[in-house]
Amino acid sequence: MSRKFARVLIRQLKAKGIPTHKEKAIRSYIFRSRRSRPFVPAVVRYTEMPLRCLIEVANLKNKGDATNVRDPKFREKYARAFVQALIQFYGGV
């Protein structure tokens, strides 16, 4: 269920022209560095909700991402894509 929602979200982000991670945008684990072991954050791992999705909107060390996050239009566009993905996934209102 989580992967299915993630695919819907990626489609909505792309439809709004929001860039997504080119390499494996949907993953079951996180790598913090090349030398670290993969892990799943506790907030995702220990929840009892049937749908779990950790979304990284931006990497603030990336200048382009940092600029986007400061832009209210970008934030609004991202929020609308997220809401559209929820509506599409759960069958509309």
N, C-alpha and C. Protein backbone atom coordinates (compact mmCIF):
# COMPACT_ATOMS: atom_id res chain seq x y z
N MET A 1 0.82 -1.18 0.00
CA MET A 1 0.00 0.00 0.00
C MET A 1 0.87 1.26 0.00
N SER A 2 1.93 1.24 0.77
CA SER A 2 2.83 2.40 0.85
C SER A 2 3.51 2.67 -0.48
N ARG A 3 3.98 1.62 -1.13
CA ARG A 3 4.64 1.78 -2.43
C ARG A 3 3.66 2.30 -3.48
N LYS A 4 2.44 1.83 -3.42
CA LYS A 4 1.41 2.27 -4.37
C LYS A 4 1.17 3.78 -4.20
N PHE A 5 1.04 4.23 -2.95
CA PHE A 5 0.87 5.66 -2.71
C PHE A 5 2.10 6.44 -3.18
N ALA A 6 3.27 5.92 -2.91
CA ALA A 6 4.51 6.60 -3.32
C ALA A 6 4.55 6.79 -4.83
N ARG A 7 4.11 5.77 -5.58
CA ARG A 7 4.09 5.90 -7.05
C ARG A 7 3.09 6.98 -7.49
N VAL A 8 1.94 7.05 -6.83
CA VAL A 8 0.95 8.09 -7.14
C VAL A 8 1.54 9.47 -6.85
N LEU A 9 2.22 9.61 -5.72
CA LEU A 9 2.83 10.89 -5.34
C LEU A 9 3.90 11.30 -6.36
N ILE A 10 4.74 10.37 -6.75
CA ILE A 10 5.80 10.68 -7.74
C ILE A 10 5.16 11.17 -9.04
N ARG A 11 4.09 10.51 -9.48
CA ARG A 11 3.40 10.95 -10.71
C ARG A 11 2.87 12.37 -10.56
N GLN A 12 2.28 12.69 -9.42
CA GLN A 12 1.74 14.02 -9.19
C GLN A 12 2.85 15.08 -9.14
N LEU A 13 3.95 14.75 -8.49
CA LEU A 13 5.08 15.69 -8.44
C LEU A 13 5.60 15.97 -9.85
N LYS A 14 5.77 14.92 -10.63
CA LYS A 14 6.26 15.10 -12.01
C LYS A 14 5.27 15.90 -12.84
N ALA A 15 3.96 15.67 -12.64
CA ALA A 15 2.93 16.40 -13.38
C ALA A 15 2.98 17.90 -13.07
N LYS A 16 3.41 18.25 -11.87
CA LYS A 16 3.52 19.66 -11.46
C LYS A 16 4.90 20.24 -11.79
N GLY A 17 5.76 19.44 -12.41
CA GLY A 17 7.09 19.91 -12.78
C GLY A 17 8.07 19.97 -11.63
N ILE A 18 7.79 19.21 -10.58
CA ILE A 18 8.69 19.18 -9.42
C ILE A 18 9.68 18.03 -9.62
N PRO A 19 10.97 18.33 -9.57
CA PRO A 19 11.96 17.27 -9.79
C PRO A 19 11.94 16.23 -8.67
N THR A 20 12.17 14.98 -9.04
CA THR A 20 12.25 13.89 -8.08
C THR A 20 13.61 13.23 -8.22
N HIS A 21 13.97 12.45 -7.23
CA HIS A 21 15.26 11.74 -7.25
C HIS A 21 15.31 10.83 -8.46
N LYS A 22 16.34 10.95 -9.25
CA LYS A 22 16.44 10.17 -10.48
C LYS A 22 16.70 8.69 -10.23
N GLU A 23 17.40 8.40 -9.16
CA GLU A 23 17.82 7.02 -8.89
C GLU A 23 17.02 6.44 -7.72
N LYS A 24 16.15 5.50 -7.99
CA LYS A 24 15.36 4.84 -6.95
C LYS A 24 14.67 5.84 -6.03
N ALA A 25 13.71 6.55 -6.57
CA ALA A 25 12.99 7.54 -5.76
C ALA A 25 12.17 6.88 -4.65
N ILE A 26 11.78 5.63 -4.86
CA ILE A 26 11.01 4.90 -3.84
C ILE A 26 11.89 3.78 -3.30
N ARG A 27 12.15 3.83 -1.99
CA ARG A 27 13.04 2.84 -1.37
C ARG A 27 12.43 2.29 -0.09
N SER A 28 12.94 1.16 0.34
CA SER A 28 12.48 0.55 1.60
C SER A 28 13.39 0.90 2.76
N TYR A 29 14.47 1.61 2.51
CA TYR A 29 15.45 1.93 3.54
C TYR A 29 16.18 3.21 3.16
N ILE A 30 16.99 3.72 4.08
CA ILE A 30 17.74 4.95 3.87
C ILE A 30 19.22 4.70 4.08
N PHE A 31 20.05 5.30 3.25
CA PHE A 31 21.50 5.34 3.44
C PHE A 31 21.85 6.79 3.76
N ARG A 32 22.52 7.03 4.88
CA ARG A 32 22.95 8.39 5.21
C ARG A 32 24.29 8.72 4.57
N SER A 33 25.13 7.72 4.35
CA SER A 33 26.40 7.93 3.67
C SER A 33 26.80 6.61 3.02
N ARG A 34 27.82 6.66 2.23
CA ARG A 34 28.27 5.44 1.53
C ARG A 34 28.73 4.36 2.51
N ARG A 35 29.25 4.79 3.66
CA ARG A 35 29.76 3.82 4.64
C ARG A 35 28.71 3.37 5.66
N SER A 36 27.56 4.02 5.69
CA SER A 36 26.56 3.66 6.70
C SER A 36 25.76 2.44 6.26
N ARG A 37 25.19 1.77 7.24
CA ARG A 37 24.30 0.64 6.95
C ARG A 37 22.92 1.18 6.65
N PRO A 38 22.17 0.48 5.81
CA PRO A 38 20.80 0.95 5.54
C PRO A 38 19.94 0.84 6.80
N PHE A 39 19.00 1.77 6.96
CA PHE A 39 18.10 1.71 8.10
C PHE A 39 16.75 2.28 7.72
N VAL A 40 15.76 2.00 8.55
CA VAL A 40 14.43 2.56 8.41
C VAL A 40 14.17 3.37 9.67
N PRO A 41 13.82 4.65 9.53
CA PRO A 41 13.59 5.47 10.73
C PRO A 41 12.49 4.89 11.61
N ALA A 42 12.65 5.05 12.91
CA ALA A 42 11.69 4.49 13.86
C ALA A 42 10.28 5.02 13.63
N VAL A 43 10.17 6.28 13.21
CA VAL A 43 8.85 6.86 12.99
C VAL A 43 8.09 6.11 11.89
N VAL A 44 8.80 5.51 10.98
CA VAL A 44 8.18 4.71 9.92
C VAL A 44 8.07 3.25 10.35
N ARG A 45 9.12 2.74 10.96
CA ARG A 45 9.20 1.32 11.31
C ARG A 45 8.18 0.90 12.36
N TYR A 46 7.95 1.74 13.36
CA TYR A 46 7.13 1.32 14.49
C TYR A 46 5.69 1.86 14.47
N THR A 47 5.26 2.42 13.38
CA THR A 47 3.90 2.89 13.31
C THR A 47 2.95 1.74 12.97
N GLU A 48 1.74 1.83 13.45
CA GLU A 48 0.76 0.79 13.18
C GLU A 48 -0.14 1.15 11.99
N MET A 49 0.11 2.28 11.38
CA MET A 49 -0.68 2.70 10.23
C MET A 49 -0.38 1.80 9.03
N PRO A 50 -1.39 1.49 8.23
CA PRO A 50 -1.16 0.62 7.08
C PRO A 50 -0.35 1.29 5.97
N LEU A 51 -0.37 2.62 5.90
CA LEU A 51 0.37 3.32 4.87
C LEU A 51 1.44 4.17 5.53
N ARG A 52 2.69 3.95 5.12
CA ARG A 52 3.82 4.70 5.69
C ARG A 52 4.62 5.28 4.55
N CYS A 53 4.91 6.56 4.65
CA CYS A 53 5.66 7.21 3.59
C CYS A 53 6.47 8.35 4.19
N LEU A 54 7.78 8.25 4.12
CA LEU A 54 8.66 9.31 4.58
C LEU A 54 9.06 10.11 3.33
N ILE A 55 8.76 11.40 3.34
CA ILE A 55 8.99 12.22 2.16
C ILE A 55 10.08 13.23 2.46
N GLU A 56 11.12 13.23 1.63
CA GLU A 56 12.17 14.22 1.75
C GLU A 56 11.91 15.26 0.68
N VAL A 57 11.48 16.43 1.10
CA VAL A 57 11.14 17.49 0.16
C VAL A 57 12.40 18.12 -0.42
N ALA A 58 13.41 18.28 0.41
CA ALA A 58 14.63 18.94 -0.05
C ALA A 58 15.83 18.53 0.78
N ASN A 59 16.99 18.65 0.16
CA ASN A 59 18.26 18.48 0.85
C ASN A 59 18.84 19.89 0.98
N LEU A 60 18.84 20.43 2.18
CA LEU A 60 19.24 21.82 2.36
C LEU A 60 20.71 22.08 2.08
N LYS A 61 21.51 21.04 1.95
CA LYS A 61 22.91 21.22 1.55
C LYS A 61 23.02 21.47 0.04
N ASN A 62 21.95 21.16 -0.69
CA ASN A 62 21.91 21.39 -2.13
C ASN A 62 21.38 22.81 -2.35
N LYS A 63 22.14 23.66 -3.04
CA LYS A 63 21.76 25.07 -3.20
C LYS A 63 20.43 25.23 -3.93
N GLY A 64 20.19 24.41 -4.95
CA GLY A 64 18.93 24.48 -5.68
C GLY A 64 17.74 24.12 -4.80
N ASP A 65 17.89 23.06 -4.00
CA ASP A 65 16.83 22.65 -3.08
C ASP A 65 16.57 23.74 -2.03
N ALA A 66 17.65 24.30 -1.49
CA ALA A 66 17.52 25.34 -0.47
C ALA A 66 16.77 26.55 -1.04
N THR A 67 17.07 26.91 -2.28
CA THR A 67 16.37 28.02 -2.93
C THR A 67 14.89 27.69 -3.10
N ASN A 68 14.59 26.46 -3.53
CA ASN A 68 13.19 26.05 -3.70
C ASN A 68 12.41 26.14 -2.41
N VAL A 69 12.99 25.69 -1.32
CA VAL A 69 12.28 25.66 -0.04
C VAL A 69 11.97 27.08 0.45
N ARG A 70 12.80 28.04 0.10
CA ARG A 70 12.53 29.43 0.49
C ARG A 70 11.44 30.07 -0.37
N ASP A 71 11.11 29.46 -1.49
CA ASP A 71 10.13 30.03 -2.42
C ASP A 71 8.71 29.58 -2.05
N PRO A 72 7.83 30.52 -1.65
CA PRO A 72 6.46 30.14 -1.28
C PRO A 72 5.69 29.46 -2.42
N LYS A 73 5.98 29.85 -3.66
CA LYS A 73 5.30 29.24 -4.81
C LYS A 73 5.67 27.76 -4.93
N PHE A 74 6.95 27.45 -4.71
CA PHE A 74 7.39 26.05 -4.76
C PHE A 74 6.70 25.25 -3.65
N ARG A 75 6.67 25.80 -2.44
CA ARG A 75 6.04 25.09 -1.33
C ARG A 75 4.56 24.84 -1.60
N GLU A 76 3.90 25.83 -2.16
CA GLU A 76 2.47 25.69 -2.49
C GLU A 76 2.28 24.61 -3.56
N LYS A 77 3.13 24.63 -4.58
CA LYS A 77 3.04 23.64 -5.66
C LYS A 77 3.26 22.23 -5.11
N TYR A 78 4.24 22.09 -4.22
CA TYR A 78 4.52 20.79 -3.63
C TYR A 78 3.35 20.31 -2.78
N ALA A 79 2.80 21.22 -1.98
CA ALA A 79 1.66 20.86 -1.13
C ALA A 79 0.46 20.44 -1.97
N ARG A 80 0.22 21.16 -3.05
CA ARG A 80 -0.92 20.80 -3.92
C ARG A 80 -0.71 19.44 -4.57
N ALA A 81 0.53 19.13 -4.98
CA ALA A 81 0.82 17.82 -5.56
C ALA A 81 0.57 16.72 -4.53
N PHE A 82 0.97 16.97 -3.29
CA PHE A 82 0.77 15.99 -2.22
C PHE A 82 -0.71 15.76 -1.96
N VAL A 83 -1.47 16.84 -1.88
CA VAL A 83 -2.92 16.72 -1.65
C VAL A 83 -3.58 15.98 -2.82
N GLN A 84 -3.20 16.32 -4.05
CA GLN A 84 -3.76 15.63 -5.22
C GLN A 84 -3.45 14.13 -5.17
N ALA A 85 -2.25 13.78 -4.73
CA ALA A 85 -1.89 12.36 -4.61
C ALA A 85 -2.77 11.67 -3.58
N LEU A 86 -3.02 12.33 -2.46
CA LEU A 86 -3.91 11.75 -1.44
C LEU A 86 -5.31 11.56 -1.99
N ILE A 87 -5.84 12.57 -2.67
CA ILE A 87 -7.18 12.48 -3.24
C ILE A 87 -7.25 11.36 -4.27
N GLN A 88 -6.25 11.30 -5.14
CA GLN A 88 -6.24 10.25 -6.16
C GLN A 88 -6.13 8.86 -5.52
N PHE A 89 -5.28 8.72 -4.52
CA PHE A 89 -5.04 7.44 -3.90
C PHE A 89 -6.28 6.94 -3.14
N TYR A 90 -6.93 7.86 -2.41
CA TYR A 90 -8.07 7.46 -1.59
C TYR A 90 -9.41 7.61 -2.30
N GLY A 91 -9.38 7.91 -3.57
CA GLY A 91 -10.61 7.86 -4.37
C GLY A 91 -11.36 9.15 -4.55
N GLY A 92 -10.78 10.25 -4.24
CA GLY A 92 -11.43 11.53 -4.50
C GLY A 92 -12.44 11.93 -3.45
N VAL A 93 -12.79 13.16 -3.53
CA VAL A 93 -13.76 13.73 -2.57
C VAL A 93 -15.04 14.06 -3.29
